Amino acid sequence: MAATKTLAELLLVSAKLSLDEFLRSFDAHYLVASGVLGGSLREGRERTETGVLELGDRVSHMPSNPNPQAGIAYPLKKAKHTQGPDAGRITVGRAGEADVCIADPSVSHLHAFFEREGEVMYLVDDESRNGTFVNLARLAPHERKSVHDEDVVTFGRVSYQVFSPGALYIALQAFREGAI
């Protein structure tokens, strides 16, 4: 089950499954759309050009501006089988060939990528125009940073929370029970 899901779909599925059943069905980490960074975006000259994000002196989230993809959960899995040294990378970008395709003008065509080593997931900025952030700290180009459950990762201006399958199931259960 590697397809993009809405939180509503995940809530329905998780209500019918035990934790073990959920883990067998959902074996990838997920990015769940959350907020946006405060700042302004100057659109690119051409429709295909990445816009320029102007954040100012302090990086922060703007709770009044929701992520346009709010309510969507993206699996961190390869979309297509590939060969070569980059075969294990899960690409993130605006391009249709990215494994996680984010249709926002602040996101570069190939913005960043995830790599997995055992149980640890790493995020690497791929020389994006507007940066990749982990918990509001900007990564240097090619910097490799481990990400953990509930970390906030931001590509350009749009932010997501990272969830392992088990943490996602627990969060969905808590939401259904009104604890969140």
N, C-alpha and C. Protein backbone atom coordinates (compact mmCIF):
# COMPACT_ATOMS: atom_id res chain seq x y z
N MET A 1 0.84 -1.19 0.00
CA MET A 1 0.00 0.00 0.00
C MET A 1 0.88 1.25 0.00
N ALA A 2 1.53 1.54 -1.09
CA ALA A 2 2.45 2.67 -1.14
C ALA A 2 1.83 3.92 -1.73
N ALA A 3 0.57 3.92 -2.03
CA ALA A 3 -0.06 5.07 -2.66
C ALA A 3 -0.27 6.19 -1.65
N THR A 4 -0.30 7.42 -2.16
CA THR A 4 -0.62 8.58 -1.34
C THR A 4 -2.02 8.39 -0.77
N LYS A 5 -2.19 8.73 0.50
CA LYS A 5 -3.48 8.58 1.18
C LYS A 5 -3.87 9.89 1.83
N THR A 6 -5.14 10.05 2.05
CA THR A 6 -5.58 11.18 2.87
C THR A 6 -5.63 10.70 4.31
N LEU A 7 -5.58 11.64 5.24
CA LEU A 7 -5.69 11.26 6.65
C LEU A 7 -7.04 10.61 6.93
N ALA A 8 -8.08 11.05 6.26
CA ALA A 8 -9.40 10.43 6.45
C ALA A 8 -9.36 8.96 6.05
N GLU A 9 -8.71 8.64 4.93
CA GLU A 9 -8.58 7.24 4.50
C GLU A 9 -7.78 6.43 5.53
N LEU A 10 -6.67 7.02 6.00
CA LEU A 10 -5.84 6.32 6.98
C LEU A 10 -6.58 6.10 8.30
N LEU A 11 -7.41 7.08 8.70
CA LEU A 11 -8.21 6.92 9.92
C LEU A 11 -9.17 5.75 9.79
N LEU A 12 -9.84 5.65 8.64
CA LEU A 12 -10.78 4.54 8.42
C LEU A 12 -10.08 3.20 8.42
N VAL A 13 -8.95 3.12 7.74
CA VAL A 13 -8.21 1.85 7.66
C VAL A 13 -7.67 1.46 9.03
N SER A 14 -7.08 2.42 9.74
CA SER A 14 -6.48 2.10 11.04
C SER A 14 -7.53 1.68 12.07
N ALA A 15 -8.77 2.12 11.91
CA ALA A 15 -9.83 1.75 12.83
C ALA A 15 -10.20 0.27 12.69
N LYS A 16 -9.94 -0.29 11.51
CA LYS A 16 -10.31 -1.68 11.24
C LYS A 16 -9.17 -2.66 11.47
N LEU A 17 -7.94 -2.14 11.66
CA LEU A 17 -6.78 -3.01 11.75
C LEU A 17 -6.14 -2.95 13.13
N SER A 18 -5.57 -4.07 13.54
CA SER A 18 -4.74 -4.07 14.74
C SER A 18 -3.41 -3.44 14.36
N LEU A 19 -2.58 -3.14 15.35
CA LEU A 19 -1.27 -2.57 15.08
C LEU A 19 -0.45 -3.49 14.17
N ASP A 20 -0.44 -4.79 14.45
CA ASP A 20 0.32 -5.74 13.62
C ASP A 20 -0.18 -5.76 12.18
N GLU A 21 -1.49 -5.74 12.01
CA GLU A 21 -2.05 -5.73 10.65
C GLU A 21 -1.69 -4.43 9.93
N PHE A 22 -1.75 -3.32 10.65
CA PHE A 22 -1.40 -2.02 10.06
C PHE A 22 0.07 -2.03 9.62
N LEU A 23 0.96 -2.54 10.47
CA LEU A 23 2.39 -2.57 10.16
C LEU A 23 2.68 -3.46 8.95
N ARG A 24 1.91 -4.52 8.77
CA ARG A 24 2.09 -5.38 7.59
C ARG A 24 1.61 -4.67 6.32
N SER A 25 0.59 -3.86 6.44
CA SER A 25 0.02 -3.17 5.28
C SER A 25 0.74 -1.88 4.93
N PHE A 26 1.24 -1.19 5.94
CA PHE A 26 1.90 0.11 5.74
C PHE A 26 3.33 -0.01 6.27
N ASP A 27 4.24 -0.35 5.38
CA ASP A 27 5.61 -0.62 5.81
C ASP A 27 6.58 0.53 5.56
N ALA A 28 6.09 1.66 5.10
CA ALA A 28 6.96 2.81 4.81
C ALA A 28 6.75 3.91 5.84
N HIS A 29 7.77 4.75 6.01
CA HIS A 29 7.57 6.00 6.74
C HIS A 29 6.62 6.87 5.91
N TYR A 30 5.97 7.83 6.56
CA TYR A 30 5.06 8.73 5.86
C TYR A 30 5.41 10.18 6.18
N LEU A 31 5.17 11.04 5.20
CA LEU A 31 5.21 12.48 5.39
C LEU A 31 3.76 12.95 5.43
N VAL A 32 3.38 13.61 6.52
CA VAL A 32 2.01 14.10 6.66
C VAL A 32 2.06 15.62 6.59
N ALA A 33 1.35 16.19 5.61
CA ALA A 33 1.38 17.63 5.38
C ALA A 33 0.90 18.39 6.61
N SER A 34 1.65 19.45 6.96
CA SER A 34 1.27 20.26 8.12
C SER A 34 1.21 21.73 7.71
N GLY A 35 2.17 22.57 8.09
CA GLY A 35 2.07 24.02 7.88
C GLY A 35 2.93 24.55 6.76
N VAL A 36 3.12 25.86 6.77
CA VAL A 36 4.00 26.54 5.82
C VAL A 36 4.92 27.48 6.59
N LEU A 37 6.07 27.77 6.00
CA LEU A 37 6.98 28.74 6.60
C LEU A 37 6.46 30.15 6.35
N GLY A 38 6.70 31.03 7.32
CA GLY A 38 6.35 32.43 7.14
C GLY A 38 7.32 33.07 6.16
N GLY A 39 6.84 33.89 5.30
CA GLY A 39 7.68 34.55 4.30
C GLY A 39 6.87 34.82 3.05
N SER A 40 7.54 35.33 2.06
CA SER A 40 6.85 35.59 0.80
C SER A 40 7.56 34.86 -0.32
N LEU A 41 6.79 34.51 -1.34
CA LEU A 41 7.32 33.79 -2.49
C LEU A 41 7.21 34.66 -3.72
N ARG A 42 8.34 34.89 -4.35
CA ARG A 42 8.37 35.61 -5.62
C ARG A 42 8.37 34.55 -6.71
N GLU A 43 7.30 34.53 -7.49
CA GLU A 43 7.12 33.51 -8.53
C GLU A 43 8.26 33.56 -9.54
N GLY A 44 8.57 32.41 -10.14
CA GLY A 44 9.58 32.35 -11.19
C GLY A 44 9.09 33.06 -12.44
N ARG A 45 10.03 33.44 -13.29
CA ARG A 45 9.67 34.15 -14.52
C ARG A 45 8.84 33.26 -15.44
N GLU A 46 9.16 31.99 -15.45
CA GLU A 46 8.40 31.03 -16.25
C GLU A 46 7.67 30.10 -15.31
N ARG A 47 6.62 29.50 -15.79
CA ARG A 47 5.81 28.62 -14.96
C ARG A 47 6.61 27.44 -14.41
N THR A 48 7.60 26.99 -15.16
CA THR A 48 8.39 25.83 -14.74
C THR A 48 9.54 26.20 -13.81
N GLU A 49 9.81 27.49 -13.62
CA GLU A 49 10.93 27.92 -12.78
C GLU A 49 10.51 27.96 -11.31
N THR A 50 11.41 27.52 -10.44
CA THR A 50 11.15 27.56 -9.01
C THR A 50 11.14 29.00 -8.54
N GLY A 51 10.14 29.37 -7.77
CA GLY A 51 10.07 30.72 -7.20
C GLY A 51 11.14 30.92 -6.15
N VAL A 52 11.31 32.15 -5.71
CA VAL A 52 12.31 32.47 -4.68
C VAL A 52 11.57 32.80 -3.39
N LEU A 53 11.91 32.06 -2.34
CA LEU A 53 11.30 32.23 -1.03
C LEU A 53 12.12 33.23 -0.23
N GLU A 54 11.47 34.25 0.30
CA GLU A 54 12.13 35.24 1.13
C GLU A 54 11.61 35.09 2.55
N LEU A 55 12.49 34.60 3.45
CA LEU A 55 12.07 34.25 4.81
C LEU A 55 12.35 35.33 5.84
N GLY A 56 13.24 36.25 5.55
CA GLY A 56 13.60 37.25 6.55
C GLY A 56 14.66 36.70 7.50
N ASP A 57 14.78 37.33 8.66
CA ASP A 57 15.85 36.97 9.60
C ASP A 57 15.56 35.72 10.42
N ARG A 58 14.31 35.44 10.64
CA ARG A 58 13.95 34.34 11.55
C ARG A 58 13.02 33.37 10.83
N VAL A 59 13.38 32.09 10.83
CA VAL A 59 12.56 31.07 10.20
C VAL A 59 11.48 30.63 11.20
N SER A 60 10.22 30.69 10.78
CA SER A 60 9.12 30.27 11.65
C SER A 60 7.96 29.79 10.79
N HIS A 61 7.05 29.08 11.43
CA HIS A 61 5.85 28.62 10.74
C HIS A 61 4.73 29.64 10.89
N MET A 62 3.89 29.69 9.89
CA MET A 62 2.72 30.57 9.93
C MET A 62 1.47 29.71 10.10
N PRO A 63 0.94 29.63 11.31
CA PRO A 63 -0.23 28.78 11.52
C PRO A 63 -1.46 29.24 10.77
N SER A 64 -1.52 30.51 10.39
CA SER A 64 -2.72 30.99 9.69
C SER A 64 -2.73 30.59 8.22
N ASN A 65 -1.60 30.16 7.69
CA ASN A 65 -1.52 29.74 6.29
C ASN A 65 -1.31 28.23 6.24
N PRO A 66 -2.36 27.47 6.00
CA PRO A 66 -2.21 26.01 5.99
C PRO A 66 -1.48 25.52 4.74
N ASN A 67 -0.83 24.40 4.89
CA ASN A 67 -0.20 23.74 3.76
C ASN A 67 -1.30 23.37 2.77
N PRO A 68 -1.15 23.70 1.48
CA PRO A 68 -2.20 23.37 0.52
C PRO A 68 -2.43 21.85 0.39
N GLN A 69 -1.47 21.06 0.83
CA GLN A 69 -1.64 19.61 0.80
C GLN A 69 -2.06 19.04 2.16
N ALA A 70 -2.49 19.90 3.07
CA ALA A 70 -2.89 19.44 4.41
C ALA A 70 -3.87 18.29 4.30
N GLY A 71 -3.66 17.29 5.11
CA GLY A 71 -4.54 16.13 5.09
C GLY A 71 -4.06 15.02 4.16
N ILE A 72 -2.90 15.21 3.53
CA ILE A 72 -2.37 14.18 2.64
C ILE A 72 -1.14 13.56 3.28
N ALA A 73 -1.03 12.26 3.16
CA ALA A 73 0.12 11.52 3.68
C ALA A 73 0.84 10.87 2.50
N TYR A 74 2.12 11.17 2.38
CA TYR A 74 2.95 10.65 1.30
C TYR A 74 3.82 9.52 1.82
N PRO A 75 3.77 8.34 1.21
CA PRO A 75 4.67 7.26 1.65
C PRO A 75 6.09 7.54 1.17
N LEU A 76 7.07 7.25 2.01
CA LEU A 76 8.47 7.41 1.62
C LEU A 76 8.95 6.09 1.02
N LYS A 77 8.55 5.89 -0.23
CA LYS A 77 8.92 4.69 -0.99
C LYS A 77 9.27 5.10 -2.40
N LYS A 78 10.08 4.27 -3.05
CA LYS A 78 10.40 4.52 -4.45
C LYS A 78 9.13 4.38 -5.27
N ALA A 79 8.89 5.35 -6.17
CA ALA A 79 7.73 5.27 -7.05
C ALA A 79 7.96 4.27 -8.16
N LYS A 80 9.22 4.20 -8.62
CA LYS A 80 9.56 3.29 -9.72
C LYS A 80 10.84 2.55 -9.35
N HIS A 81 10.99 1.35 -9.87
CA HIS A 81 12.22 0.60 -9.65
C HIS A 81 13.34 1.22 -10.47
N THR A 82 14.46 1.54 -9.82
CA THR A 82 15.59 2.13 -10.53
C THR A 82 16.86 1.34 -10.23
N GLN A 83 17.83 1.50 -11.10
CA GLN A 83 19.13 0.84 -10.95
C GLN A 83 20.19 1.90 -10.67
N GLY A 84 21.37 1.45 -10.25
CA GLY A 84 22.50 2.36 -10.09
C GLY A 84 22.69 2.83 -8.67
N PRO A 85 23.64 3.76 -8.48
CA PRO A 85 24.00 4.20 -7.13
C PRO A 85 22.89 4.96 -6.41
N ASP A 86 21.94 5.55 -7.14
CA ASP A 86 20.85 6.31 -6.52
C ASP A 86 19.58 5.48 -6.33
N ALA A 87 19.68 4.16 -6.52
CA ALA A 87 18.49 3.30 -6.49
C ALA A 87 17.78 3.34 -5.14
N GLY A 88 18.51 3.56 -4.04
CA GLY A 88 17.89 3.58 -2.72
C GLY A 88 17.38 4.93 -2.29
N ARG A 89 17.60 5.95 -3.09
CA ARG A 89 17.16 7.30 -2.73
C ARG A 89 15.68 7.50 -3.05
N ILE A 90 14.98 8.11 -2.11
CA ILE A 90 13.58 8.48 -2.32
C ILE A 90 13.59 9.97 -2.58
N THR A 91 13.35 10.35 -3.82
CA THR A 91 13.46 11.75 -4.22
C THR A 91 12.20 12.54 -3.90
N VAL A 92 12.41 13.81 -3.57
CA VAL A 92 11.33 14.75 -3.27
C VAL A 92 11.51 15.95 -4.17
N GLY A 93 10.45 16.36 -4.84
CA GLY A 93 10.54 17.54 -5.69
C GLY A 93 9.25 17.81 -6.42
N ARG A 94 9.29 18.84 -7.23
CA ARG A 94 8.12 19.25 -8.00
C ARG A 94 8.00 18.45 -9.29
N ALA A 95 9.09 17.84 -9.74
CA ALA A 95 9.08 17.09 -10.99
C ALA A 95 8.20 15.85 -10.89
N GLY A 96 7.54 15.52 -11.97
CA GLY A 96 6.67 14.35 -12.00
C GLY A 96 7.41 13.05 -11.74
N GLU A 97 8.70 13.01 -12.03
CA GLU A 97 9.45 11.77 -11.80
C GLU A 97 9.95 11.62 -10.36
N ALA A 98 9.72 12.63 -9.51
CA ALA A 98 10.10 12.51 -8.10
C ALA A 98 9.23 11.44 -7.42
N ASP A 99 9.83 10.72 -6.48
CA ASP A 99 9.07 9.70 -5.74
C ASP A 99 7.97 10.35 -4.90
N VAL A 100 8.26 11.50 -4.31
CA VAL A 100 7.27 12.29 -3.57
C VAL A 100 7.17 13.61 -4.33
N CYS A 101 6.07 13.78 -5.05
CA CYS A 101 5.88 14.96 -5.90
C CYS A 101 5.07 16.01 -5.15
N ILE A 102 5.69 17.18 -4.92
CA ILE A 102 5.04 18.26 -4.19
C ILE A 102 4.83 19.42 -5.16
N ALA A 103 3.59 19.68 -5.49
CA ALA A 103 3.24 20.70 -6.48
C ALA A 103 3.14 22.07 -5.82
N ASP A 104 4.31 22.62 -5.45
CA ASP A 104 4.35 23.96 -4.88
C ASP A 104 5.49 24.70 -5.55
N PRO A 105 5.26 25.96 -5.97
CA PRO A 105 6.30 26.69 -6.71
C PRO A 105 7.57 26.98 -5.91
N SER A 106 7.55 26.81 -4.59
CA SER A 106 8.77 27.03 -3.79
C SER A 106 9.65 25.78 -3.74
N VAL A 107 9.16 24.68 -4.27
CA VAL A 107 9.88 23.40 -4.25
C VAL A 107 10.61 23.24 -5.58
N SER A 108 11.89 22.91 -5.51
CA SER A 108 12.68 22.68 -6.73
C SER A 108 12.24 21.40 -7.41
N HIS A 109 12.57 21.29 -8.70
CA HIS A 109 12.19 20.08 -9.45
C HIS A 109 12.70 18.82 -8.74
N LEU A 110 13.96 18.76 -8.41
CA LEU A 110 14.51 17.69 -7.57
C LEU A 110 15.12 18.41 -6.37
N HIS A 111 14.38 18.43 -5.29
CA HIS A 111 14.66 19.29 -4.14
C HIS A 111 15.56 18.63 -3.10
N ALA A 112 15.22 17.41 -2.74
CA ALA A 112 15.92 16.69 -1.67
C ALA A 112 15.70 15.20 -1.87
N PHE A 113 16.32 14.41 -1.00
CA PHE A 113 16.05 12.98 -1.05
C PHE A 113 16.24 12.37 0.33
N PHE A 114 15.55 11.25 0.53
CA PHE A 114 15.67 10.45 1.74
C PHE A 114 16.49 9.22 1.42
N GLU A 115 17.28 8.78 2.39
CA GLU A 115 18.01 7.52 2.30
C GLU A 115 17.76 6.77 3.60
N ARG A 116 17.66 5.48 3.49
CA ARG A 116 17.42 4.67 4.68
C ARG A 116 18.61 3.76 4.92
N GLU A 117 19.08 3.73 6.15
CA GLU A 117 20.12 2.79 6.58
C GLU A 117 19.59 2.05 7.78
N GLY A 118 19.23 0.80 7.57
CA GLY A 118 18.61 0.03 8.65
C GLY A 118 17.30 0.68 9.05
N GLU A 119 17.19 1.04 10.31
CA GLU A 119 15.98 1.67 10.82
C GLU A 119 16.05 3.20 10.78
N VAL A 120 17.18 3.75 10.38
CA VAL A 120 17.37 5.20 10.41
C VAL A 120 17.08 5.80 9.03
N MET A 121 16.29 6.87 9.02
CA MET A 121 15.96 7.60 7.80
C MET A 121 16.75 8.90 7.81
N TYR A 122 17.41 9.19 6.69
CA TYR A 122 18.19 10.42 6.55
C TYR A 122 17.57 11.29 5.46
N LEU A 123 17.68 12.60 5.63
CA LEU A 123 17.22 13.57 4.65
C LEU A 123 18.43 14.37 4.17
N VAL A 124 18.51 14.59 2.86
CA VAL A 124 19.63 15.32 2.25
C VAL A 124 19.06 16.38 1.31
N ASP A 125 19.53 17.62 1.46
CA ASP A 125 19.15 18.68 0.53
C ASP A 125 19.94 18.48 -0.76
N ASP A 126 19.27 18.56 -1.90
CA ASP A 126 19.92 18.31 -3.20
C ASP A 126 20.13 19.63 -3.95
N GLU A 127 20.77 20.60 -3.25
CA GLU A 127 21.05 21.92 -3.82
C GLU A 127 19.77 22.64 -4.26
N SER A 128 18.74 22.55 -3.43
CA SER A 128 17.47 23.20 -3.75
C SER A 128 17.61 24.72 -3.68
N ARG A 129 16.76 25.40 -4.39
CA ARG A 129 16.80 26.87 -4.42
C ARG A 129 16.38 27.47 -3.07
N ASN A 130 15.33 26.93 -2.46
CA ASN A 130 14.77 27.52 -1.25
C ASN A 130 15.06 26.74 0.03
N GLY A 131 15.84 25.72 -0.06
CA GLY A 131 16.29 25.02 1.13
C GLY A 131 15.39 23.91 1.63
N THR A 132 16.02 23.07 2.43
CA THR A 132 15.38 21.96 3.12
C THR A 132 15.67 22.17 4.60
N PHE A 133 14.65 22.01 5.43
CA PHE A 133 14.77 22.27 6.86
C PHE A 133 14.34 21.04 7.65
N VAL A 134 14.99 20.80 8.78
CA VAL A 134 14.55 19.80 9.74
C VAL A 134 14.34 20.53 11.06
N ASN A 135 13.11 20.54 11.53
CA ASN A 135 12.75 21.26 12.76
C ASN A 135 13.23 22.71 12.70
N LEU A 136 12.98 23.37 11.58
CA LEU A 136 13.28 24.77 11.29
C LEU A 136 14.78 25.07 11.13
N ALA A 137 15.65 24.07 11.20
CA ALA A 137 17.09 24.27 10.97
C ALA A 137 17.39 23.92 9.51
N ARG A 138 17.94 24.89 8.79
CA ARG A 138 18.21 24.69 7.36
C ARG A 138 19.43 23.78 7.17
N LEU A 139 19.27 22.81 6.26
CA LEU A 139 20.37 21.93 5.91
C LEU A 139 21.26 22.62 4.88
N ALA A 140 22.55 22.43 4.98
CA ALA A 140 23.46 22.88 3.93
C ALA A 140 23.28 21.95 2.73
N PRO A 141 23.59 22.42 1.51
CA PRO A 141 23.50 21.52 0.36
C PRO A 141 24.30 20.24 0.60
N HIS A 142 23.69 19.12 0.34
CA HIS A 142 24.25 17.78 0.50
C HIS A 142 24.44 17.35 1.96
N GLU A 143 24.00 18.19 2.92
CA GLU A 143 24.08 17.79 4.32
C GLU A 143 23.11 16.64 4.57
N ARG A 144 23.54 15.67 5.31
CA ARG A 144 22.75 14.47 5.62
C ARG A 144 22.32 14.55 7.08
N LYS A 145 21.01 14.54 7.33
CA LYS A 145 20.48 14.70 8.69
C LYS A 145 19.49 13.58 8.97
N SER A 146 19.65 12.90 10.10
CA SER A 146 18.68 11.86 10.46
C SER A 146 17.37 12.52 10.87
N VAL A 147 16.27 11.86 10.50
CA VAL A 147 14.95 12.35 10.88
C VAL A 147 14.25 11.26 11.68
N HIS A 148 13.42 11.71 12.61
CA HIS A 148 12.76 10.80 13.55
C HIS A 148 11.27 11.09 13.59
N ASP A 149 10.53 10.21 14.25
CA ASP A 149 9.09 10.38 14.38
C ASP A 149 8.74 11.78 14.86
N GLU A 150 7.78 12.38 14.17
CA GLU A 150 7.21 13.69 14.47
C GLU A 150 8.14 14.86 14.20
N ASP A 151 9.33 14.61 13.63
CA ASP A 151 10.16 15.73 13.18
C ASP A 151 9.40 16.47 12.09
N VAL A 152 9.60 17.78 12.02
CA VAL A 152 9.00 18.59 10.96
C VAL A 152 10.07 18.83 9.90
N VAL A 153 9.78 18.39 8.68
CA VAL A 153 10.69 18.62 7.55
C VAL A 153 9.99 19.57 6.59
N THR A 154 10.77 20.50 6.04
CA THR A 154 10.21 21.54 5.19
C THR A 154 11.00 21.59 3.89
N PHE A 155 10.26 21.59 2.79
CA PHE A 155 10.83 21.70 1.45
C PHE A 155 10.32 23.03 0.89
N GLY A 156 11.24 23.98 0.66
CA GLY A 156 10.78 25.31 0.26
C GLY A 156 9.98 25.90 1.40
N ARG A 157 8.70 26.14 1.17
CA ARG A 157 7.87 26.71 2.23
C ARG A 157 6.89 25.72 2.86
N VAL A 158 6.75 24.52 2.30
CA VAL A 158 5.74 23.59 2.80
C VAL A 158 6.35 22.55 3.74
N SER A 159 5.65 22.32 4.85
CA SER A 159 6.15 21.46 5.92
C SER A 159 5.33 20.19 6.08
N TYR A 160 6.00 19.19 6.59
CA TYR A 160 5.43 17.86 6.80
C TYR A 160 5.98 17.29 8.08
N GLN A 161 5.21 16.40 8.71
CA GLN A 161 5.74 15.65 9.84
C GLN A 161 6.07 14.25 9.36
N VAL A 162 7.16 13.71 9.90
CA VAL A 162 7.62 12.36 9.56
C VAL A 162 7.04 11.38 10.58
N PHE A 163 6.51 10.27 10.08
CA PHE A 163 6.00 9.21 10.94
C PHE A 163 6.45 7.85 10.45
N SER A 164 6.98 7.04 11.34
CA SER A 164 7.19 5.63 11.03
C SER A 164 5.80 4.99 11.03
N PRO A 165 5.65 3.78 10.47
CA PRO A 165 4.32 3.17 10.47
C PRO A 165 3.71 3.02 11.87
N GLY A 166 4.50 2.60 12.83
CA GLY A 166 3.98 2.44 14.19
C GLY A 166 3.55 3.74 14.82
N ALA A 167 4.36 4.78 14.65
CA ALA A 167 4.02 6.10 15.20
C ALA A 167 2.78 6.68 14.50
N LEU A 168 2.65 6.42 13.20
CA LEU A 168 1.47 6.88 12.47
C LEU A 168 0.21 6.21 13.02
N TYR A 169 0.28 4.91 13.24
CA TYR A 169 -0.87 4.18 13.78
C TYR A 169 -1.26 4.74 15.16
N ILE A 170 -0.28 4.97 16.01
CA ILE A 170 -0.55 5.49 17.35
C ILE A 170 -1.16 6.90 17.26
N ALA A 171 -0.63 7.74 16.36
CA ALA A 171 -1.18 9.10 16.19
C ALA A 171 -2.62 9.04 15.68
N LEU A 172 -2.89 8.13 14.75
CA LEU A 172 -4.25 7.99 14.23
C LEU A 172 -5.21 7.51 15.32
N GLN A 173 -4.76 6.58 16.14
CA GLN A 173 -5.59 6.09 17.27
C GLN A 173 -5.87 7.24 18.24
N ALA A 174 -4.84 8.02 18.57
CA ALA A 174 -5.02 9.14 19.50
C ALA A 174 -5.98 10.18 18.92
N PHE A 175 -5.88 10.44 17.63
CA PHE A 175 -6.77 11.40 16.99
C PHE A 175 -8.21 10.90 17.04
N ARG A 176 -8.40 9.62 16.74
CA ARG A 176 -9.74 9.05 16.75
C ARG A 176 -10.34 9.09 18.16
N GLU A 177 -9.50 8.94 19.19
CA GLU A 177 -9.99 8.95 20.56
C GLU A 177 -10.09 10.37 21.13
N GLY A 178 -9.76 11.37 20.31
CA GLY A 178 -9.88 12.77 20.75
C GLY A 178 -8.74 13.27 21.59
N ALA A 179 -7.63 12.52 21.66
CA ALA A 179 -6.49 12.93 22.46
C ALA A 179 -5.63 13.98 21.75
N ILE A 180 -5.84 14.13 20.44
CA ILE A 180 -5.06 15.12 19.67
C ILE A 180 -6.01 16.20 19.18
